[in-house]
C-alpha cells in the first residue's frame, strides 16, 4: 500500500489526536488535551501550518473532531466509515491545493487557506483516512490489543499483523508478562 509523506503525516496526526482522548487510556485517565498549551504543543509537534492564534473555540472544535474521528475507527463497515468521512470532509470545506512549502516536495493540502486547526485536521486527516478506505484497507485502522490500553493506530505493516499501539511499551510488557507466567508454570 503506497502512503505518501503528507498522507502519513495526516494519519499520524489523526492517531495522535485520537490518543489524547481519556477513553484511549485506562478508565478515569485524564484528557491529554486539557487546554490551549496542549493544543499548541500538538500543532507544533505535527508541524501544522497556517492556523493562526489558537483560542478556546479551537480547543472545543478539535475535541469535537476527535470524537468524530473515533467514529471512523469504530465504524462497523466501509459504508459507515465512508458516510462519516464524507460528512467530516464536507464540514471542513475542503479546497484541495498543490503546495511545496517549508522544503517539502509537492503535496496536496485539502484545507482552505486560513482554515481553523480543526478544519485543517478534518480535511487532511479525513482525506488520509478516506484513502485507506478506498484502498480496501480499513481493517488497518485498529486499537491496541493490550488489555489496559485502547490507543488507536494505523497498521502499516506488510502483513497487517500489528497488534499493539507501540511494540516497545504495550507489546514488550505483555510479552514479558507471558514469559514470566510460563517461567512460573514451569517452576511450579
C-alpha atoms as a PDB file:
ATOM      1  CA  UNK A   1       0.000   0.000   0.000  1.00  0.00           C
ATOM      2  CA  UNK A   2       1.532   3.294  -1.093  1.00  0.00           C
ATOM      3  CA  UNK A   3       1.316   6.001   1.554  1.00  0.00           C
ATOM      4  CA  UNK A   4       2.754   9.372   0.579  1.00  0.00           C
ATOM      5  CA  UNK A   5       4.605  11.524   3.080  1.00  0.00           C
ATOM      6  CA  UNK A   6       1.746  14.010   3.522  1.00  0.00           C
ATOM      7  CA  UNK A   7      -0.812  11.220   3.945  1.00  0.00           C
ATOM      8  CA  UNK A   8       1.410   9.570   6.553  1.00  0.00           C
ATOM      9  CA  UNK A   9       1.770  12.877   8.415  1.00  0.00           C
ATOM     10  CA  UNK A  10      -2.014  13.326   8.388  1.00  0.00           C
ATOM     11  CA  UNK A  11      -2.561   9.753   9.635  1.00  0.00           C
ATOM     12  CA  UNK A  12      -0.009  10.297  12.405  1.00  0.00           C
ATOM     13  CA  UNK A  13      -1.819  13.475  13.477  1.00  0.00           C
ATOM     14  CA  UNK A  14      -5.194  11.663  13.482  1.00  0.00           C
ATOM     15  CA  UNK A  15      -3.839   8.818  15.605  1.00  0.00           C
ATOM     16  CA  UNK A  16      -2.080  11.203  17.978  1.00  0.00           C
ATOM     17  CA  UNK A  17      -5.276  13.233  18.344  1.00  0.00           C
ATOM     18  CA  UNK A  18      -7.377  10.127  18.998  1.00  0.00           C
ATOM     19  CA  UNK A  19      -4.926   9.011  21.646  1.00  0.00           C
ATOM     20  CA  UNK A  20      -5.358  12.242  23.598  1.00  0.00           C
ATOM     21  CA  UNK A  21      -8.904  11.167  24.498  1.00  0.00           C
ATOM     22  CA  UNK A  22      -9.463   9.972  28.063  1.00  0.00           C
ATOM     23  CA  UNK A  23     -11.066   6.752  26.828  1.00  0.00           C
ATOM     24  CA  UNK A  24      -7.836   5.909  24.966  1.00  0.00           C
ATOM     25  CA  UNK A  25      -6.171   5.245  28.306  1.00  0.00           C
ATOM     26  CA  UNK A  26      -7.173   3.325  31.381  1.00  0.00           C
ATOM     27  CA  UNK A  27     -10.618   4.205  32.791  1.00  0.00           C
ATOM     28  CA  UNK A  28     -10.553   7.519  34.633  1.00  0.00           C
ATOM     29  CA  UNK A  29      -7.460   8.739  32.802  1.00  0.00           C
ATOM     30  CA  UNK A  30      -7.268  12.497  32.243  1.00  0.00           C
ATOM     31  CA  UNK A  31      -7.755  14.174  28.891  1.00  0.00           C
ATOM     32  CA  UNK A  32      -4.323  14.565  27.282  1.00  0.00           C
ATOM     33  CA  UNK A  33      -5.606  17.698  25.534  1.00  0.00           C
ATOM     34  CA  UNK A  34      -6.601  19.604  28.690  1.00  0.00           C
ATOM     35  CA  UNK A  35      -6.096  23.153  27.463  1.00  0.00           C
ATOM     36  CA  UNK A  36      -4.602  25.558  24.954  1.00  0.00           C
ATOM     37  CA  UNK A  37      -0.953  24.825  25.823  1.00  0.00           C
ATOM     38  CA  UNK A  38      -1.520  21.147  24.986  1.00  0.00           C
ATOM     39  CA  UNK A  39      -3.241  22.070  21.720  1.00  0.00           C
ATOM     40  CA  UNK A  40      -0.406  24.455  20.833  1.00  0.00           C
ATOM     41  CA  UNK A  41       2.119  21.677  21.521  1.00  0.00           C
ATOM     42  CA  UNK A  42       0.079  19.287  19.348  1.00  0.00           C
ATOM     43  CA  UNK A  43       0.142  21.832  16.497  1.00  0.00           C
ATOM     44  CA  UNK A  44       3.924  22.281  16.904  1.00  0.00           C
ATOM     45  CA  UNK A  45       4.608  18.545  17.143  1.00  0.00           C
ATOM     46  CA  UNK A  46       2.744  17.891  13.891  1.00  0.00           C
ATOM     47  CA  UNK A  47       4.064  20.978  12.052  1.00  0.00           C
ATOM     48  CA  UNK A  48       0.521  22.146  11.319  1.00  0.00           C
ATOM     49  CA  UNK A  49       0.985  25.338   9.374  1.00  0.00           C
ATOM     50  CA  UNK A  50      -1.100  28.448   8.885  1.00  0.00           C
ATOM     51  CA  UNK A  51      -3.562  28.049  11.780  1.00  0.00           C
ATOM     52  CA  UNK A  52      -3.092  31.445  13.386  1.00  0.00           C
ATOM     53  CA  UNK A  53      -3.553  32.173  17.066  1.00  0.00           C
ATOM     54  CA  UNK A  54      -5.407  29.396  18.847  1.00  0.00           C
ATOM     55  CA  UNK A  55      -8.281  30.025  21.242  1.00  0.00           C
ATOM     56  CA  UNK A  56     -10.770  28.161  23.395  1.00  0.00           C
ATOM     57  CA  UNK A  57     -13.099  27.721  20.398  1.00  0.00           C
ATOM     58  CA  UNK A  58     -10.288  25.891  18.586  1.00  0.00           C
ATOM     59  CA  UNK A  59      -9.796  23.593  21.571  1.00  0.00           C
ATOM     60  CA  UNK A  60     -13.529  22.769  21.687  1.00  0.00           C
ATOM     61  CA  UNK A  61     -13.616  22.182  17.917  1.00  0.00           C
ATOM     62  CA  UNK A  62     -10.574  19.873  17.998  1.00  0.00           C
ATOM     63  CA  UNK A  63     -12.078  17.850  20.854  1.00  0.00           C
ATOM     64  CA  UNK A  64     -15.320  17.514  18.846  1.00  0.00           C
ATOM     65  CA  UNK A  65     -13.292  16.456  15.809  1.00  0.00           C
ATOM     66  CA  UNK A  66     -11.540  13.852  17.949  1.00  0.00           C
ATOM     67  CA  UNK A  67     -14.905  12.259  18.702  1.00  0.00           C
ATOM     68  CA  UNK A  68     -15.881  12.263  15.043  1.00  0.00           C
ATOM     69  CA  UNK A  69     -12.586  10.637  14.037  1.00  0.00           C
ATOM     70  CA  UNK A  70     -13.062   7.987  16.727  1.00  0.00           C
ATOM     71  CA  UNK A  71     -16.329   7.106  14.994  1.00  0.00           C
ATOM     72  CA  UNK A  72     -14.437   6.317  11.793  1.00  0.00           C
ATOM     73  CA  UNK A  73     -12.150   3.890  13.656  1.00  0.00           C
ATOM     74  CA  UNK A  74     -15.209   2.284  15.307  1.00  0.00           C
ATOM     75  CA  UNK A  75     -17.273   2.056  12.098  1.00  0.00           C
ATOM     76  CA  UNK A  76     -18.904  -1.334  11.525  1.00  0.00           C
ATOM     77  CA  UNK A  77     -18.123  -1.411   7.818  1.00  0.00           C
ATOM     78  CA  UNK A  78     -16.742   0.570   4.890  1.00  0.00           C
ATOM     79  CA  UNK A  79     -20.107   2.158   4.093  1.00  0.00           C
ATOM     80  CA  UNK A  80     -20.477   3.577   7.603  1.00  0.00           C
ATOM     81  CA  UNK A  81     -16.847   4.779   7.557  1.00  0.00           C
ATOM     82  CA  UNK A  82     -17.421   6.416   4.153  1.00  0.00           C
ATOM     83  CA  UNK A  83     -20.543   8.229   5.370  1.00  0.00           C
ATOM     84  CA  UNK A  84     -18.701   9.539   8.422  1.00  0.00           C
ATOM     85  CA  UNK A  85     -15.703  10.608   6.344  1.00  0.00           C
ATOM     86  CA  UNK A  86     -17.850  12.292   3.680  1.00  0.00           C
ATOM     87  CA  UNK A  87     -19.617  14.341   6.367  1.00  0.00           C
ATOM     88  CA  UNK A  88     -16.329  15.156   8.093  1.00  0.00           C
ATOM     89  CA  UNK A  89     -14.529  16.313   4.950  1.00  0.00           C
ATOM     90  CA  UNK A  90     -17.551  18.273   3.706  1.00  0.00           C
ATOM     91  CA  UNK A  91     -17.900  20.093   7.029  1.00  0.00           C
ATOM     92  CA  UNK A  92     -14.253  21.171   6.778  1.00  0.00           C
ATOM     93  CA  UNK A  93     -14.906  22.982   3.482  1.00  0.00           C
ATOM     94  CA  UNK A  94     -12.140  21.249   1.595  1.00  0.00           C
ATOM     95  CA  UNK A  95     -10.241  23.181  -1.040  1.00  0.00           C
ATOM     96  CA  UNK A  96      -7.536  20.913  -2.482  1.00  0.00           C
ATOM     97  CA  UNK A  97      -4.339  22.774  -3.352  1.00  0.00           C
ATOM     98  CA  UNK A  98      -0.919  21.659  -4.526  1.00  0.00           C
ATOM     99  CA  UNK A  99       1.847  23.123  -2.392  1.00  0.00           C
ATOM    100  CA  UNK A 100       5.583  22.712  -1.811  1.00  0.00           C
ATOM    101  CA  UNK A 101       6.035  24.787   1.334  1.00  0.00           C
ATOM    102  CA  UNK A 102       8.713  24.535   4.010  1.00  0.00           C
ATOM    103  CA  UNK A 103      11.100  22.435   1.927  1.00  0.00           C
ATOM    104  CA  UNK A 104       8.662  19.581   1.278  1.00  0.00           C
ATOM    105  CA  UNK A 105       8.114  18.280  -2.237  1.00  0.00           C
ATOM    106  CA  UNK A 106       4.786  18.813  -3.967  1.00  0.00           C
ATOM    107  CA  UNK A 107       1.857  17.521  -1.980  1.00  0.00           C
ATOM    108  CA  UNK A 108      -1.837  18.255  -1.570  1.00  0.00           C
ATOM    109  CA  UNK A 109      -3.442  20.227   1.241  1.00  0.00           C
ATOM    110  CA  UNK A 110      -7.171  19.696   1.433  1.00  0.00           C
ATOM    111  CA  UNK A 111      -7.995  22.530   3.822  1.00  0.00           C
ATOM    112  CA  UNK A 112      -8.937  26.023   2.708  1.00  0.00           C
ATOM    113  CA  UNK A 113      -6.348  28.784   3.215  1.00  0.00           C
ATOM    114  CA  UNK A 114      -6.795  30.295   6.666  1.00  0.00           C
ATOM    115  CA  UNK A 115      -8.801  27.300   7.906  1.00  0.00           C
ATOM    116  CA  UNK A 116      -9.084  26.661  11.635  1.00  0.00           C
ATOM    117  CA  UNK A 117      -6.903  23.963  13.139  1.00  0.00           C
ATOM    118  CA  UNK A 118      -9.955  21.672  13.441  1.00  0.00           C
ATOM    119  CA  UNK A 119     -10.885  22.160   9.766  1.00  0.00           C
ATOM    120  CA  UNK A 120      -7.248  21.647   8.798  1.00  0.00           C
ATOM    121  CA  UNK A 121      -7.132  18.344  10.700  1.00  0.00           C
ATOM    122  CA  UNK A 122     -10.580  17.285   9.486  1.00  0.00           C
ATOM    123  CA  UNK A 123      -9.762  17.917   5.831  1.00  0.00           C
ATOM    124  CA  UNK A 124      -6.261  16.428   5.696  1.00  0.00           C
ATOM    125  CA  UNK A 125      -6.935  13.678   8.245  1.00  0.00           C
ATOM    126  CA  UNK A 126     -10.309  12.840   6.732  1.00  0.00           C
ATOM    127  CA  UNK A 127      -8.810  12.530   3.263  1.00  0.00           C
ATOM    128  CA  UNK A 128      -5.935  10.373   4.564  1.00  0.00           C
ATOM    129  CA  UNK A 129      -8.464   8.042   6.200  1.00  0.00           C
ATOM    130  CA  UNK A 130     -10.545   8.103   3.005  1.00  0.00           C
ATOM    131  CA  UNK A 131      -7.508   6.865   1.043  1.00  0.00           C
ATOM    132  CA  UNK A 132      -7.287   3.910   3.453  1.00  0.00           C
ATOM    133  CA  UNK A 133     -10.974   3.070   2.850  1.00  0.00           C
ATOM    134  CA  UNK A 134     -10.629   3.498  -0.936  1.00  0.00           C
ATOM    135  CA  UNK A 135      -7.658   1.097  -0.916  1.00  0.00           C
ATOM    136  CA  UNK A 136      -9.853  -1.521   0.798  1.00  0.00           C
ATOM    137  CA  UNK A 137      -7.611  -1.382   3.865  1.00  0.00           C
ATOM    138  CA  UNK A 138      -9.961  -0.107   6.583  1.00  0.00           C
ATOM    139  CA  UNK A 139      -9.026  -3.067   8.788  1.00  0.00           C
ATOM    140  CA  UNK A 140      -5.668  -1.312   9.226  1.00  0.00           C
ATOM    141  CA  UNK A 141      -7.426   1.238  11.482  1.00  0.00           C
ATOM    142  CA  UNK A 142      -7.033  -0.515  14.796  1.00  0.00           C
ATOM    143  CA  UNK A 143      -6.929  -0.253  18.572  1.00  0.00           C
ATOM    144  CA  UNK A 144      -4.223  -1.712  20.777  1.00  0.00           C
ATOM    145  CA  UNK A 145      -4.948  -5.265  21.926  1.00  0.00           C
ATOM    146  CA  UNK A 146      -3.251  -4.794  25.290  1.00  0.00           C
ATOM    147  CA  UNK A 147      -5.965  -5.283  27.926  1.00  0.00           C
ATOM    148  CA  UNK A 148      -5.230  -1.976  29.656  1.00  0.00           C
ATOM    149  CA  UNK A 149      -4.761   0.140  26.517  1.00  0.00           C
ATOM    150  CA  UNK A 150      -7.180   1.204  23.800  1.00  0.00           C
ATOM    151  CA  UNK A 151      -4.894   3.540  21.852  1.00  0.00           C
ATOM    152  CA  UNK A 152      -5.606   3.847  18.156  1.00  0.00           C
ATOM    153  CA  UNK A 153      -3.025   3.142  15.468  1.00  0.00           C
ATOM    154  CA  UNK A 154      -2.815   2.536  11.728  1.00  0.00           C
ATOM    155  CA  UNK A 155      -1.247  -0.830  10.972  1.00  0.00           C
ATOM    156  CA  UNK A 156       1.093  -0.157   8.070  1.00  0.00           C
ATOM    157  CA  UNK A 157       2.941  -3.472   8.419  1.00  0.00           C
ATOM    158  CA  UNK A 158       3.211  -5.514   5.235  1.00  0.00           C
ATOM    159  CA  UNK A 159       1.192  -8.432   6.526  1.00  0.00           C
ATOM    160  CA  UNK A 160      -1.289  -6.412   8.615  1.00  0.00           C
ATOM    161  CA  UNK A 161      -0.154  -8.201  11.773  1.00  0.00           C
ATOM    162  CA  UNK A 162       0.497  -5.360  14.192  1.00  0.00           C
ATOM    163  CA  UNK A 163      -1.431  -5.852  17.437  1.00  0.00           C
ATOM    164  CA  UNK A 164      -0.161  -3.146  19.773  1.00  0.00           C
ATOM    165  CA  UNK A 165      -0.013   0.631  19.601  1.00  0.00           C
ATOM    166  CA  UNK A 166       3.679   0.519  20.448  1.00  0.00           C
ATOM    167  CA  UNK A 167       5.691  -2.674  20.465  1.00  0.00           C
ATOM    168  CA  UNK A 168       8.225  -1.114  22.841  1.00  0.00           C
ATOM    169  CA  UNK A 169       5.674  -0.495  25.574  1.00  0.00           C
ATOM    170  CA  UNK A 170       2.453  -2.481  25.278  1.00  0.00           C
ATOM    171  CA  UNK A 171       3.933  -5.313  23.199  1.00  0.00           C
ATOM    172  CA  UNK A 172       7.046  -5.784  25.327  1.00  0.00           C
ATOM    173  CA  UNK A 173       5.094  -5.502  28.569  1.00  0.00           C
ATOM    174  CA  UNK A 174       2.693  -8.273  27.517  1.00  0.00           C
ATOM    175  CA  UNK A 175       5.463 -10.476  26.139  1.00  0.00           C
ATOM    176  CA  UNK A 176       7.465 -10.138  29.369  1.00  0.00           C
ATOM    177  CA  UNK A 177       4.349 -10.929  31.436  1.00  0.00           C
ATOM    178  CA  UNK A 178       3.662 -14.029  29.316  1.00  0.00           C
ATOM    179  CA  UNK A 179       7.297 -15.143  29.636  1.00  0.00           C
ATOM    180  CA  UNK A 180       7.215 -14.735  33.421  1.00  0.00           C
ATOM    181  CA  UNK A 181       3.939 -16.666  33.610  1.00  0.00           C
ATOM    182  CA  UNK A 182       5.488 -19.521  31.593  1.00  0.00           C
ATOM    183  CA  UNK A 183       8.520 -19.486  33.899  1.00  0.00           C
ATOM    184  CA  UNK A 184       6.250 -19.675  36.981  1.00  0.00           C
ATOM    185  CA  UNK A 185       4.255 -22.520  35.435  1.00  0.00           C
ATOM    186  CA  UNK A 186       7.440 -24.429  34.574  1.00  0.00           C
ATOM    187  CA  UNK A 187       8.846 -23.920  38.078  1.00  0.00           C
ATOM    188  CA  UNK A 188       5.559 -24.860  39.805  1.00  0.00           C
END
